[in-house]
C-alpha atoms as a PDB file:
ATOM      1  CA  MET A   1      86.796 220.744  85.144  1.00  0.00           C
ATOM      2  CA  THR A   2      89.086 217.747  84.923  1.00  0.00           C
ATOM      3  CA  ARG A   3      87.217 214.466  85.114  1.00  0.00           C
ATOM      4  CA  PRO A   4      88.380 212.472  88.164  1.00  0.00           C
ATOM      5  CA  ILE A   5      90.387 209.347  87.478  1.00  0.00           C
ATOM      6  CA  SER A   6      88.397 206.198  88.199  1.00  0.00           C
ATOM      7  CA  MET A   7      89.412 202.653  89.016  1.00  0.00           C
ATOM      8  CA  THR A   8      87.711 199.508  87.717  1.00  0.00           C
ATOM      9  CA  TRP A   9      87.013 196.567  89.993  1.00  0.00           C
ATOM     10  CA  ARG A  10      85.919 193.105  88.916  1.00  0.00           C
ATOM     11  CA  CYS A  11      84.379 190.190  90.783  1.00  0.00           C
ATOM     12  CA  GLY A  12      83.550 187.307  88.495  1.00  0.00           C
ATOM     13  CA  ALA A  13      80.887 188.451  86.043  1.00  0.00           C
ATOM     14  CA  PHE A  14      80.408 191.749  87.852  1.00  0.00           C
ATOM     15  CA  SER A  15      82.437 194.886  87.365  1.00  0.00           C
ATOM     16  CA  GLY A  16      82.209 198.565  88.182  1.00  0.00           C
ATOM     17  CA  ARG A  17      84.060 201.858  88.324  1.00  0.00           C
ATOM     18  CA  VAL A  18      84.808 203.956  91.364  1.00  0.00           C
ATOM     19  CA  ALA A  19      86.706 207.234  91.677  1.00  0.00           C
ATOM     20  CA  PRO A  20      89.438 207.287  94.350  1.00  0.00           C
ATOM     21  CA  GLN A  21      87.904 210.453  95.819  1.00  0.00           C
ATOM     22  CA  THR A  22      84.532 208.734  96.149  1.00  0.00           C
ATOM     23  CA  LEU A  23      86.137 205.700  97.786  1.00  0.00           C
ATOM     24  CA  ALA A  24      88.147 207.869 100.183  1.00  0.00           C
ATOM     25  CA  PHE A  25      85.048 209.888 101.074  1.00  0.00           C
ATOM     26  CA  THR A  26      83.031 206.748 101.804  1.00  0.00           C
ATOM     27  CA  VAL A  27      85.790 205.282 103.977  1.00  0.00           C
ATOM     28  CA  LEU A  28      86.170 208.577 105.875  1.00  0.00           C
ATOM     29  CA  THR A  29      82.408 208.803 106.442  1.00  0.00           C
ATOM     30  CA  LEU A  30      82.309 205.239 107.757  1.00  0.00           C
ATOM     31  CA  ALA A  31      85.201 206.059 110.110  1.00  0.00           C
ATOM     32  CA  ILE A  32      83.269 209.082 111.403  1.00  0.00           C
ATOM     33  CA  LEU A  33      80.203 206.872 111.844  1.00  0.00           C
ATOM     34  CA  MET A  34      82.201 204.375 113.902  1.00  0.00           C
ATOM     35  CA  ALA A  35      83.551 207.157 116.119  1.00  0.00           C
ATOM     36  CA  VAL A  36      80.102 208.664 116.648  1.00  0.00           C
ATOM     37  CA  SER A  37      78.699 205.200 117.360  1.00  0.00           C
ATOM     38  CA  GLY A  38      81.261 204.753 120.106  1.00  0.00           C
ATOM     39  CA  LEU A  39      80.186 208.060 121.634  1.00  0.00           C
ATOM     40  CA  ALA A  40      76.536 207.016 121.399  1.00  0.00           C
ATOM     41  CA  LEU A  41      77.287 203.895 123.432  1.00  0.00           C
ATOM     42  CA  TYR A  42      79.375 205.894 125.907  1.00  0.00           C
ATOM     43  CA  PHE A  43      77.070 208.828 126.716  1.00  0.00           C
ATOM     44  CA  GLY A  44      73.878 208.406 128.696  1.00  0.00           C
ATOM     45  CA  ASN A  45      72.264 208.766 132.100  1.00  0.00           C
ATOM     46  CA  TYR A  46      73.956 205.568 133.293  1.00  0.00           C
ATOM     47  CA  PRO A  47      77.741 206.178 133.314  1.00  0.00           C
ATOM     48  CA  LEU A  48      79.912 203.605 131.576  1.00  0.00           C
ATOM     49  CA  THR A  49      83.611 203.640 130.729  1.00  0.00           C
ATOM     50  CA  ALA A  50      85.164 202.445 127.477  1.00  0.00           C
ATOM     51  CA  PRO A  51      86.628 199.277 129.090  1.00  0.00           C
ATOM     52  CA  GLU A  52      83.208 198.473 130.556  1.00  0.00           C
ATOM     53  CA  ILE A  53      81.545 198.849 127.164  1.00  0.00           C
ATOM     54  CA  SER A  54      84.166 196.585 125.583  1.00  0.00           C
ATOM     55  CA  THR A  55      83.602 193.997 128.292  1.00  0.00           C
ATOM     56  CA  ILE A  56      79.833 194.139 127.831  1.00  0.00           C
ATOM     57  CA  LEU A  57      80.070 193.719 124.058  1.00  0.00           C
ATOM     58  CA  PHE A  58      82.587 190.891 123.975  1.00  0.00           C
ATOM     59  CA  GLN A  59      82.469 189.221 127.400  1.00  0.00           C
ATOM     60  CA  GLN A  60      80.143 188.497 130.284  1.00  0.00           C
ATOM     61  CA  ALA A  61      79.241 191.610 132.289  1.00  0.00           C
ATOM     62  CA  ASP A  62      77.179 192.662 135.288  1.00  0.00           C
ATOM     63  CA  GLU A  63      73.425 192.566 134.874  1.00  0.00           C
ATOM     64  CA  THR A  64      72.635 196.317 134.953  1.00  0.00           C
ATOM     65  CA  PRO A  65      75.332 197.521 132.497  1.00  0.00           C
ATOM     66  CA  ASP A  66      74.471 194.579 130.250  1.00  0.00           C
ATOM     67  CA  ILE A  67      70.826 195.666 130.134  1.00  0.00           C
ATOM     68  CA  VAL A  68      71.791 199.298 129.478  1.00  0.00           C
ATOM     69  CA  ILE A  69      73.892 198.388 126.433  1.00  0.00           C
ATOM     70  CA  TRP A  70      72.086 195.401 124.943  1.00  0.00           C
ATOM     71  CA  TYR A  71      68.494 196.487 125.549  1.00  0.00           C
ATOM     72  CA  HIS A  72      68.708 200.283 125.280  1.00  0.00           C
ATOM     73  CA  ARG A  73      71.745 201.950 123.729  1.00  0.00           C
ATOM     74  CA  LEU A  74      72.827 199.359 121.156  1.00  0.00           C
ATOM     75  CA  PRO A  75      69.361 198.784 119.599  1.00  0.00           C
ATOM     76  CA  ARG A  76      68.823 202.557 119.504  1.00  0.00           C
ATOM     77  CA  LEU A  77      72.186 203.054 117.802  1.00  0.00           C
ATOM     78  CA  LEU A  78      71.595 200.313 115.218  1.00  0.00           C
ATOM     79  CA  VAL A  79      68.080 201.553 114.421  1.00  0.00           C
ATOM     80  CA  GLY A  80      69.509 205.042 113.904  1.00  0.00           C
ATOM     81  CA  ILE A  81      72.211 203.723 111.580  1.00  0.00           C
ATOM     82  CA  GLY A  82      69.782 201.573 109.601  1.00  0.00           C
ATOM     83  CA  ALA A  83      67.071 204.216 109.302  1.00  0.00           C
ATOM     84  CA  GLY A  84      69.569 206.912 108.322  1.00  0.00           C
ATOM     85  CA  ALA A  85      71.119 204.674 105.673  1.00  0.00           C
ATOM     86  CA  ALA A  86      67.681 203.762 104.290  1.00  0.00           C
ATOM     87  CA  PHE A  87      66.631 207.416 104.095  1.00  0.00           C
ATOM     88  CA  GLY A  88      69.951 208.321 102.453  1.00  0.00           C
ATOM     89  CA  VAL A  89      69.653 205.680  99.720  1.00  0.00           C
ATOM     90  CA  SER A  90      65.966 206.454  99.193  1.00  0.00           C
ATOM     91  CA  GLY A  91      66.695 210.145  98.695  1.00  0.00           C
ATOM     92  CA  ALA A  92      69.578 209.445  96.325  1.00  0.00           C
ATOM     93  CA  LEU A  93      67.397 207.190  94.168  1.00  0.00           C
ATOM     94  CA  ILE A  94      64.614 209.748  93.778  1.00  0.00           C
ATOM     95  CA  GLN A  95      66.887 212.772  93.303  1.00  0.00           C
ATOM     96  CA  ASP A  96      69.011 211.033  90.673  1.00  0.00           C
ATOM     97  CA  MET A  97      66.018 209.546  88.881  1.00  0.00           C
ATOM     98  CA  LEU A  98      64.354 212.961  88.451  1.00  0.00           C
ATOM     99  CA  ARG A  99      67.599 214.976  88.202  1.00  0.00           C
ATOM    100  CA  ASN A 100      66.223 217.329  90.871  1.00  0.00           C
ATOM    101  CA  PRO A 101      67.868 217.795  94.306  1.00  0.00           C
ATOM    102  CA  LEU A 102      64.515 218.940  95.742  1.00  0.00           C
ATOM    103  CA  ALA A 103      62.740 215.683  94.878  1.00  0.00           C
ATOM    104  CA  SER A 104      63.417 213.669  98.025  1.00  0.00           C
ATOM    105  CA  PRO A 105      60.882 211.360  99.753  1.00  0.00           C
ATOM    106  CA  ASP A 106      60.299 213.747 102.644  1.00  0.00           C
ATOM    107  CA  ILE A 107      59.783 216.732 100.331  1.00  0.00           C
ATOM    108  CA  VAL A 108      57.441 215.068  97.810  1.00  0.00           C
ATOM    109  CA  GLY A 109      55.189 213.438 100.408  1.00  0.00           C
ATOM    110  CA  PHE A 110      56.334 209.808 100.470  1.00  0.00           C
ATOM    111  CA  SER A 111      57.478 210.000 104.112  1.00  0.00           C
ATOM    112  CA  SER A 112      54.275 211.781 105.120  1.00  0.00           C
ATOM    113  CA  GLY A 113      52.222 209.155 103.318  1.00  0.00           C
ATOM    114  CA  ALA A 114      54.067 206.325 105.079  1.00  0.00           C
ATOM    115  CA  ALA A 115      53.630 208.010 108.458  1.00  0.00           C
ATOM    116  CA  THR A 116      49.924 208.638 107.834  1.00  0.00           C
ATOM    117  CA  GLY A 117      49.385 205.033 106.765  1.00  0.00           C
ATOM    118  CA  ALA A 118      51.181 203.708 109.836  1.00  0.00           C
ATOM    119  CA  LEU A 119      49.191 205.959 112.171  1.00  0.00           C
ATOM    120  CA  PHE A 120      45.892 205.052 110.507  1.00  0.00           C
ATOM    121  CA  THR A 121      46.474 201.302 110.821  1.00  0.00           C
ATOM    122  CA  VAL A 122      47.548 201.616 114.459  1.00  0.00           C
ATOM    123  CA  MET A 123      44.409 203.600 115.275  1.00  0.00           C
ATOM    124  CA  LEU A 124      42.244 201.158 113.321  1.00  0.00           C
ATOM    125  CA  THR A 125      43.675 197.940 114.766  1.00  0.00           C
ATOM    126  CA  GLY A 126      45.092 199.112 118.097  1.00  0.00           C
ATOM    127  CA  SER A 127      48.238 197.055 117.465  1.00  0.00           C
ATOM    128  CA  SER A 128      51.752 198.105 116.503  1.00  0.00           C
ATOM    129  CA  PHE A 129      52.073 194.896 114.449  1.00  0.00           C
ATOM    130  CA  TRP A 130      50.478 196.684 111.490  1.00  0.00           C
ATOM    131  CA  VAL A 131      52.843 199.656 111.492  1.00  0.00           C
ATOM    132  CA  LEU A 132      55.004 198.371 108.624  1.00  0.00           C
ATOM    133  CA  PRO A 133      52.117 197.244 106.352  1.00  0.00           C
ATOM    134  CA  GLY A 134      50.369 200.544 107.022  1.00  0.00           C
ATOM    135  CA  ALA A 135      53.510 202.538 106.296  1.00  0.00           C
ATOM    136  CA  MET A 136      54.125 200.575 103.110  1.00  0.00           C
ATOM    137  CA  ALA A 137      50.541 201.045 101.920  1.00  0.00           C
ATOM    138  CA  GLY A 138      50.586 204.743 102.769  1.00  0.00           C
ATOM    139  CA  GLY A 139      53.884 205.284 101.004  1.00  0.00           C
ATOM    140  CA  VAL A 140      52.774 203.452  97.852  1.00  0.00           C
ATOM    141  CA  LEU A 141      49.420 205.250  97.727  1.00  0.00           C
ATOM    142  CA  SER A 142      51.003 208.669  98.244  1.00  0.00           C
ATOM    143  CA  ALA A 143      53.612 207.953  95.560  1.00  0.00           C
ATOM    144  CA  ALA A 144      50.932 206.789  93.120  1.00  0.00           C
ATOM    145  CA  LEU A 145      48.815 209.868  93.840  1.00  0.00           C
ATOM    146  CA  VAL A 146      51.724 212.267  93.393  1.00  0.00           C
ATOM    147  CA  VAL A 147      52.768 210.659  90.109  1.00  0.00           C
ATOM    148  CA  ALA A 148      49.176 210.615  88.819  1.00  0.00           C
ATOM    149  CA  LEU A 149      48.578 214.274  89.664  1.00  0.00           C
ATOM    150  CA  ALA A 150      51.968 215.403  88.352  1.00  0.00           C
ATOM    151  CA  TRP A 151      51.793 213.422  85.088  1.00  0.00           C
ATOM    152  CA  ASN A 152      51.199 215.519  81.979  1.00  0.00           C
ATOM    153  CA  LYS A 153      52.616 213.896  78.843  1.00  0.00           C
ATOM    154  CA  GLY A 154      55.541 212.879  81.003  1.00  0.00           C
ATOM    155  CA  LEU A 155      56.767 213.364  84.540  1.00  0.00           C
ATOM    156  CA  SER A 156      58.125 216.838  85.230  1.00  0.00           C
ATOM    157  CA  SER A 157      60.339 216.941  88.303  1.00  0.00           C
ATOM    158  CA  ALA A 158      59.306 220.496  89.190  1.00  0.00           C
ATOM    159  CA  ARG A 159      55.613 219.595  88.906  1.00  0.00           C
ATOM    160  CA  LEU A 160      56.197 216.467  90.994  1.00  0.00           C
ATOM    161  CA  VAL A 161      57.909 218.461  93.772  1.00  0.00           C
ATOM    162  CA  LEU A 162      55.099 221.020  93.939  1.00  0.00           C
ATOM    163  CA  THR A 163      52.443 218.290  93.884  1.00  0.00           C
ATOM    164  CA  GLY A 164      54.292 216.398  96.609  1.00  0.00           C
ATOM    165  CA  LEU A 165      54.490 219.491  98.790  1.00  0.00           C
ATOM    166  CA  ALA A 166      50.754 220.022  98.429  1.00  0.00           C
ATOM    167  CA  LEU A 167      50.081 216.387  99.318  1.00  0.00           C
ATOM    168  CA  SER A 168      52.351 216.651 102.361  1.00  0.00           C
ATOM    169  CA  LEU A 169      50.341 219.626 103.651  1.00  0.00           C
ATOM    170  CA  PHE A 170      47.109 217.702 103.111  1.00  0.00           C
ATOM    171  CA  LEU A 171      48.450 214.652 104.945  1.00  0.00           C
ATOM    172  CA  MET A 172      49.643 216.814 107.841  1.00  0.00           C
ATOM    173  CA  ALA A 173      46.099 218.170 108.187  1.00  0.00           C
ATOM    174  CA  LEU A 174      44.750 214.623 108.050  1.00  0.00           C
ATOM    175  CA  VAL A 175      47.150 213.562 110.802  1.00  0.00           C
ATOM    176  CA  ASP A 176      46.011 216.498 112.947  1.00  0.00           C
ATOM    177  CA  ILE A 177      42.397 215.371 112.554  1.00  0.00           C
ATOM    178  CA  MET A 178      43.290 211.819 113.618  1.00  0.00           C
ATOM    179  CA  MET A 179      45.386 213.071 116.526  1.00  0.00           C
ATOM    180  CA  ALA A 180      42.452 215.117 117.812  1.00  0.00           C
ATOM    181  CA  ARG A 181      40.536 211.883 118.389  1.00  0.00           C
ATOM    182  CA  LEU A 182      43.202 210.454 120.731  1.00  0.00           C
ATOM    183  CA  ASP A 183      43.686 210.978 124.435  1.00  0.00           C
ATOM    184  CA  ILE A 184      46.396 213.404 125.538  1.00  0.00           C
ATOM    185  CA  LEU A 185      49.022 210.853 126.619  1.00  0.00           C
ATOM    186  CA  THR A 186      48.685 208.709 123.495  1.00  0.00           C
ATOM    187  CA  ALA A 187      48.701 211.779 121.270  1.00  0.00           C
ATOM    188  CA  ALA A 188      51.880 213.047 122.954  1.00  0.00           C
ATOM    189  CA  ASP A 189      53.688 209.744 122.319  1.00  0.00           C
ATOM    190  CA  ILE A 190      52.534 209.582 118.703  1.00  0.00           C
ATOM    191  CA  MET A 191      53.459 213.222 118.084  1.00  0.00           C
ATOM    192  CA  LYS A 192      57.002 212.528 119.280  1.00  0.00           C
ATOM    193  CA  TRP A 193      57.211 209.645 116.821  1.00  0.00           C
ATOM    194  CA  LEU A 194      55.785 211.785 114.005  1.00  0.00           C
ATOM    195  CA  VAL A 195      58.543 214.346 114.562  1.00  0.00           C
ATOM    196  CA  GLY A 196      61.061 211.522 114.186  1.00  0.00           C
ATOM    197  CA  ALA A 197      62.212 209.574 117.226  1.00  0.00           C
ATOM    198  CA  PHE A 198      63.216 206.088 118.304  1.00  0.00           C
ATOM    199  CA  PRO A 199      63.682 206.309 122.103  1.00  0.00           C
ATOM    200  CA  SER A 200      62.941 202.660 122.967  1.00  0.00           C
ATOM    201  CA  PRO A 201      63.534 200.461 119.906  1.00  0.00           C
ATOM    202  CA  GLU A 202      63.530 196.697 120.117  1.00  0.00           C
ATOM    203  CA  TRP A 203      65.757 194.175 118.385  1.00  0.00           C
ATOM    204  CA  SER A 204      62.849 193.375 116.077  1.00  0.00           C
ATOM    205  CA  ASP A 205      63.164 196.934 114.750  1.00  0.00           C
ATOM    206  CA  VAL A 206      66.871 196.354 114.118  1.00  0.00           C
ATOM    207  CA  VAL A 207      66.117 193.140 112.215  1.00  0.00           C
ATOM    208  CA  LEU A 208      63.412 194.908 110.195  1.00  0.00           C
ATOM    209  CA  ILE A 209      65.456 197.874 109.021  1.00  0.00           C
ATOM    210  CA  PHE A 210      68.651 195.934 108.289  1.00  0.00           C
ATOM    211  CA  GLY A 211      66.621 193.193 106.612  1.00  0.00           C
ATOM    212  CA  ALA A 212      65.162 195.864 104.332  1.00  0.00           C
ATOM    213  CA  LEU A 213      68.632 197.212 103.561  1.00  0.00           C
ATOM    214  CA  ILE A 214      69.989 193.729 102.831  1.00  0.00           C
ATOM    215  CA  ILE A 215      67.075 192.884 100.536  1.00  0.00           C
ATOM    216  CA  VAL A 216      66.542 196.222  98.780  1.00  0.00           C
ATOM    217  CA  GLY A 217      70.144 197.485  98.861  1.00  0.00           C
ATOM    218  CA  PRO A 218      71.517 195.195  96.115  1.00  0.00           C
ATOM    219  CA  PHE A 219      68.579 196.075  93.839  1.00  0.00           C
ATOM    220  CA  ALA A 220      69.285 199.772  94.437  1.00  0.00           C
ATOM    221  CA  LEU A 221      72.965 199.319  93.573  1.00  0.00           C
ATOM    222  CA  TRP A 222      71.916 197.344  90.498  1.00  0.00           C
ATOM    223  CA  GLN A 223      70.159 200.495  89.249  1.00  0.00           C
ATOM    224  CA  GLY A 224      73.487 202.359  89.118  1.00  0.00           C
ATOM    225  CA  PHE A 225      73.707 202.181  85.320  1.00  0.00           C
ATOM    226  CA  ALA A 226      70.089 203.288  84.971  1.00  0.00           C
ATOM    227  CA  LEU A 227      70.622 206.248  87.290  1.00  0.00           C
ATOM    228  CA  LYS A 228      73.709 207.363  85.373  1.00  0.00           C
ATOM    229  CA  SER A 229      71.820 207.027  82.106  1.00  0.00           C
ATOM    230  CA  LEU A 230      68.807 208.978  83.374  1.00  0.00           C
ATOM    231  CA  ALA A 231      71.152 211.729  84.567  1.00  0.00           C
ATOM    232  CA  LEU A 232      72.065 212.311  80.905  1.00  0.00           C
ATOM    233  CA  GLY A 233      68.439 212.821  79.871  1.00  0.00           C
ATOM    234  CA  ASP A 234      65.541 210.659  78.728  1.00  0.00           C
ATOM    235  CA  ASP A 235      66.605 210.605  75.073  1.00  0.00           C
ATOM    236  CA  VAL A 236      70.104 209.360  75.888  1.00  0.00           C
ATOM    237  CA  ALA A 237      68.725 206.792  78.348  1.00  0.00           C
ATOM    238  CA  THR A 238      66.339 205.497  75.689  1.00  0.00           C
ATOM    239  CA  GLY A 239      69.174 205.347  73.183  1.00  0.00           C
ATOM    240  CA  LEU A 240      71.147 203.231  75.649  1.00  0.00           C
ATOM    241  CA  GLY A 241      68.336 200.675  75.706  1.00  0.00           C
ATOM    242  CA  LEU A 242      66.379 201.711  78.793  1.00  0.00           C
ATOM    243  CA  ASN A 243      62.619 201.741  79.069  1.00  0.00           C
ATOM    244  CA  VAL A 244      62.506 205.045  80.922  1.00  0.00           C
ATOM    245  CA  SER A 245      58.981 204.713  82.340  1.00  0.00           C
ATOM    246  CA  THR A 246      59.518 201.144  83.605  1.00  0.00           C
ATOM    247  CA  THR A 247      62.903 202.058  85.058  1.00  0.00           C
ATOM    248  CA  ARG A 248      61.461 205.019  86.936  1.00  0.00           C
ATOM    249  CA  LEU A 249      58.674 202.879  88.373  1.00  0.00           C
ATOM    250  CA  LYS A 250      61.237 200.337  89.611  1.00  0.00           C
ATOM    251  CA  ILE A 251      63.359 203.028  91.241  1.00  0.00           C
ATOM    252  CA  LEU A 252      60.248 204.653  92.716  1.00  0.00           C
ATOM    253  CA  PHE A 253      59.163 201.347  94.255  1.00  0.00           C
ATOM    254  CA  LEU A 254      62.622 200.785  95.775  1.00  0.00           C
ATOM    255  CA  SER A 255      62.636 204.291  97.254  1.00  0.00           C
ATOM    256  CA  VAL A 256      59.144 203.957  98.713  1.00  0.00           C
ATOM    257  CA  GLY A 257      59.996 200.565 100.214  1.00  0.00           C
ATOM    258  CA  LEU A 258      63.092 201.891 101.981  1.00  0.00           C
ATOM    259  CA  THR A 259      61.231 204.999 103.144  1.00  0.00           C
ATOM    260  CA  ALA A 260      58.339 202.975 104.574  1.00  0.00           C
ATOM    261  CA  CYS A 261      60.663 200.640 106.493  1.00  0.00           C
ATOM    262  CA  ALA A 262      62.649 203.570 107.900  1.00  0.00           C
ATOM    263  CA  VAL A 263      59.490 205.453 108.899  1.00  0.00           C
ATOM    264  CA  SER A 264      58.074 202.365 110.627  1.00  0.00           C
ATOM    265  CA  VAL A 265      61.055 202.116 113.014  1.00  0.00           C
ATOM    266  CA  ALA A 266      62.179 205.745 113.413  1.00  0.00           C
ATOM    267  CA  GLY A 267      59.321 207.947 112.295  1.00  0.00           C
ATOM    268  CA  PRO A 268      59.495 210.349 109.338  1.00  0.00           C
ATOM    269  CA  LEU A 269      62.853 211.909 110.205  1.00  0.00           C
ATOM    270  CA  PRO A 270      62.796 215.211 108.317  1.00  0.00           C
ATOM    271  CA  PHE A 271      65.478 216.190 105.789  1.00  0.00           C
ATOM    272  CA  VAL A 272      67.730 213.112 106.209  1.00  0.00           C
ATOM    273  CA  ALA A 273      66.734 211.786 102.789  1.00  0.00           C
ATOM    274  CA  PHE A 274      66.941 215.297 101.377  1.00  0.00           C
ATOM    275  CA  ALA A 275      70.373 216.219 102.766  1.00  0.00           C
ATOM    276  CA  ALA A 276      72.358 212.973 102.577  1.00  0.00           C
ATOM    277  CA  ASN A 277      72.696 212.777  98.794  1.00  0.00           C
ATOM    278  CA  PRO A 278      73.729 216.424  98.119  1.00  0.00           C
ATOM    279  CA  ILE A 279      76.345 216.218 100.879  1.00  0.00           C
ATOM    280  CA  ALA A 280      77.683 212.961  99.466  1.00  0.00           C
ATOM    281  CA  ARG A 281      77.817 214.392  95.944  1.00  0.00           C
ATOM    282  CA  ARG A 282      79.574 217.586  97.026  1.00  0.00           C
ATOM    283  CA  LEU A 283      82.247 215.799  99.022  1.00  0.00           C
ATOM    284  CA  SER A 284      82.861 212.952  96.581  1.00  0.00           C
ATOM    285  CA  ALA A 285      83.738 212.807  92.912  1.00  0.00           C
ATOM    286  CA  ALA A 286      80.167 212.233  91.683  1.00  0.00           C
ATOM    287  CA  SER A 287      79.403 215.815  90.721  1.00  0.00           C
ATOM    288  CA  GLY A 288      79.172 215.729  86.945  1.00  0.00           C
ATOM    289  CA  ALA A 289      76.396 214.808  84.594  1.00  0.00           C
ATOM    290  CA  GLY A 290      76.191 211.084  84.081  1.00  0.00           C
ATOM    291  CA  ASN A 291      78.269 210.266  87.141  1.00  0.00           C
ATOM    292  CA  GLY A 292      75.227 209.310  89.174  1.00  0.00           C
ATOM    293  CA  SER A 293      75.092 209.471  92.938  1.00  0.00           C
ATOM    294  CA  PRO A 294      77.302 207.538  95.337  1.00  0.00           C
ATOM    295  CA  LEU A 295      74.587 205.399  96.933  1.00  0.00           C
ATOM    296  CA  LEU A 296      76.941 203.952  99.546  1.00  0.00           C
ATOM    297  CA  GLY A 297      78.181 207.448 100.350  1.00  0.00           C
ATOM    298  CA  ALA A 298      74.599 208.716 100.683  1.00  0.00           C
ATOM    299  CA  ALA A 299      73.803 205.792 102.991  1.00  0.00           C
ATOM    300  CA  ALA A 300      76.845 206.544 105.148  1.00  0.00           C
ATOM    301  CA  VAL A 301      76.022 210.263 105.336  1.00  0.00           C
ATOM    302  CA  GLY A 302      72.394 209.511 106.212  1.00  0.00           C
ATOM    303  CA  ALA A 303      73.495 207.171 108.996  1.00  0.00           C
ATOM    304  CA  CYS A 304      75.953 209.771 110.327  1.00  0.00           C
ATOM    305  CA  LEU A 305      73.332 212.532 110.316  1.00  0.00           C
ATOM    306  CA  THR A 306      70.817 210.375 112.181  1.00  0.00           C
ATOM    307  CA  VAL A 307      73.236 209.081 114.821  1.00  0.00           C
ATOM    308  CA  ILE A 308      74.743 212.539 115.417  1.00  0.00           C
ATOM    309  CA  ALA A 309      71.275 214.094 115.686  1.00  0.00           C
ATOM    310  CA  ASP A 310      70.120 211.423 118.135  1.00  0.00           C
ATOM    311  CA  LEU A 311      73.291 211.775 120.211  1.00  0.00           C
ATOM    312  CA  VAL A 312      72.919 215.557 120.415  1.00  0.00           C
ATOM    313  CA  CYS A 313      69.211 215.434 121.273  1.00  0.00           C
ATOM    314  CA  ARG A 314      69.611 212.920 124.103  1.00  0.00           C
ATOM    315  CA  SER A 315      72.768 214.571 125.467  1.00  0.00           C
ATOM    316  CA  LEU A 316      71.278 218.024 125.981  1.00  0.00           C
ATOM    317  CA  PRO A 317      71.473 219.492 129.502  1.00  0.00           C
ATOM    318  CA  PHE A 318      68.601 219.582 131.972  1.00  0.00           C
ATOM    319  CA  GLY A 319      67.561 216.060 131.003  1.00  0.00           C
ATOM    320  CA  ALA A 320      65.869 217.153 127.775  1.00  0.00           C
ATOM    321  CA  ASP A 321      65.475 214.140 125.489  1.00  0.00           C
ATOM    322  CA  LEU A 322      64.177 215.819 122.346  1.00  0.00           C
ATOM    323  CA  PRO A 323      62.998 213.863 119.299  1.00  0.00           C
ATOM    324  CA  THR A 324      65.809 213.206 116.856  1.00  0.00           C
ATOM    325  CA  GLY A 325      63.843 214.877 114.083  1.00  0.00           C
ATOM    326  CA  VAL A 326      64.232 218.246 115.804  1.00  0.00           C
ATOM    327  CA  PHE A 327      67.971 218.306 115.135  1.00  0.00           C
ATOM    328  CA  THR A 328      67.760 216.798 111.625  1.00  0.00           C
ATOM    329  CA  ALA A 329      65.305 219.588 110.773  1.00  0.00           C
ATOM    330  CA  MET A 330      67.784 222.156 112.105  1.00  0.00           C
ATOM    331  CA  ILE A 331      70.395 220.689 109.732  1.00  0.00           C
ATOM    332  CA  GLY A 332      68.131 220.231 106.723  1.00  0.00           C
ATOM    333  CA  ALA A 333      66.091 223.441 106.735  1.00  0.00           C
ATOM    334  CA  PRO A 334      69.033 225.768 105.926  1.00  0.00           C
ATOM    335  CA  LEU A 335      70.185 223.298 103.276  1.00  0.00           C
ATOM    336  CA  LEU A 336      66.708 223.379 101.719  1.00  0.00           C
ATOM    337  CA  VAL A 337      66.751 227.194 101.596  1.00  0.00           C
ATOM    338  CA  TRP A 338      70.229 227.134 100.030  1.00  0.00           C
ATOM    339  CA  GLN A 339      69.152 224.535  97.446  1.00  0.00           C
ATOM    340  CA  LEU A 340      66.035 226.548  96.591  1.00  0.00           C
ATOM    341  CA  THR A 341      68.230 229.623  96.060  1.00  0.00           C
ATOM    342  CA  LEU A 342      70.481 227.673  93.671  1.00  0.00           C
ATOM    343  CA  GLU A 343      67.510 226.347  91.711  1.00  0.00           C
ATOM    344  CA  MET A 344      66.004 229.848  91.391  1.00  0.00           C
ATOM    345  CA  ARG A 345      69.316 231.233  90.137  1.00  0.00           C
ATOM    346  CA  LYS A 346      69.366 228.484  87.496  1.00  0.00           C
ATOM    347  CA  GLY A 347      65.822 229.419  86.468  1.00  0.00           C
ATOM    348  CA  VAL A 348      64.503 225.962  87.269  1.00  0.00           C
ATOM    349  CA  ILE A 349      61.836 227.280  89.670  1.00  0.00           C
END
């Protein structure tokens, strides 16, 4: 296979390489995201035309349409974009670090741990203020437990995936036990969130998720060299001057942080973190060993998947407003089966 031609960009002391195909893919994905975002603002129970939406966004508008856009549709859209991007980057970090497309946060139990921690703190305190700290603590504890159980003279990606799956099943049982102690109405609302939903987000949720992306995003991009080195194997990465164990812990912490923030605002959306990176790799030039993953492309794909899923679920006939996670699971489950088939053919599992 011919290696794709890459271009070098420089900005002061910083420089990097990007393949034209990767750049074109990222731009195309962002264009699709903008188009879907426009549809998300357009469709809904309250009818609005494109000129009305433009007037609401950039000028003074009537009170009711203004409330519909600024307090309902726009925060929901931005939370979907931010959560999808966070899940996409988080999945790309873990999958590239372990060189295993099955090792995503939702597969290995990090998302389940964050969701369990958030639910536990809400039940314990009775306040939604502790959702993020609970999600962060749950994500970190689940990640530490998975790594500790999977460690055996090193960290095997296959062992980590199997351990994470077992932990996810345990956490699901734990959630069921906690849900059984709630009243029916509260349990129904929490169950919808656990499937993955953000029906009534607030602007504080938008600030939280985009603040996390702004803070953690540059650190994730900074790990680009480390990810490319790890993709070549531990020996090569060590020869290039990396402390492999320390680097993996840094990347793991970044992934857990993004996952916890996304779970706290949108619930543990299934398969977004798992699917975004493989799609981005297949459709861009980053398909060879050592090329790493296009983190920006994975973020854009994750945002597209989330916004499209939310748009489909709230646009279904008969007034059915299903949780967004229902549609992301419909997308991700066949991809998981296909990826498992590929790994079995390679003899990895």
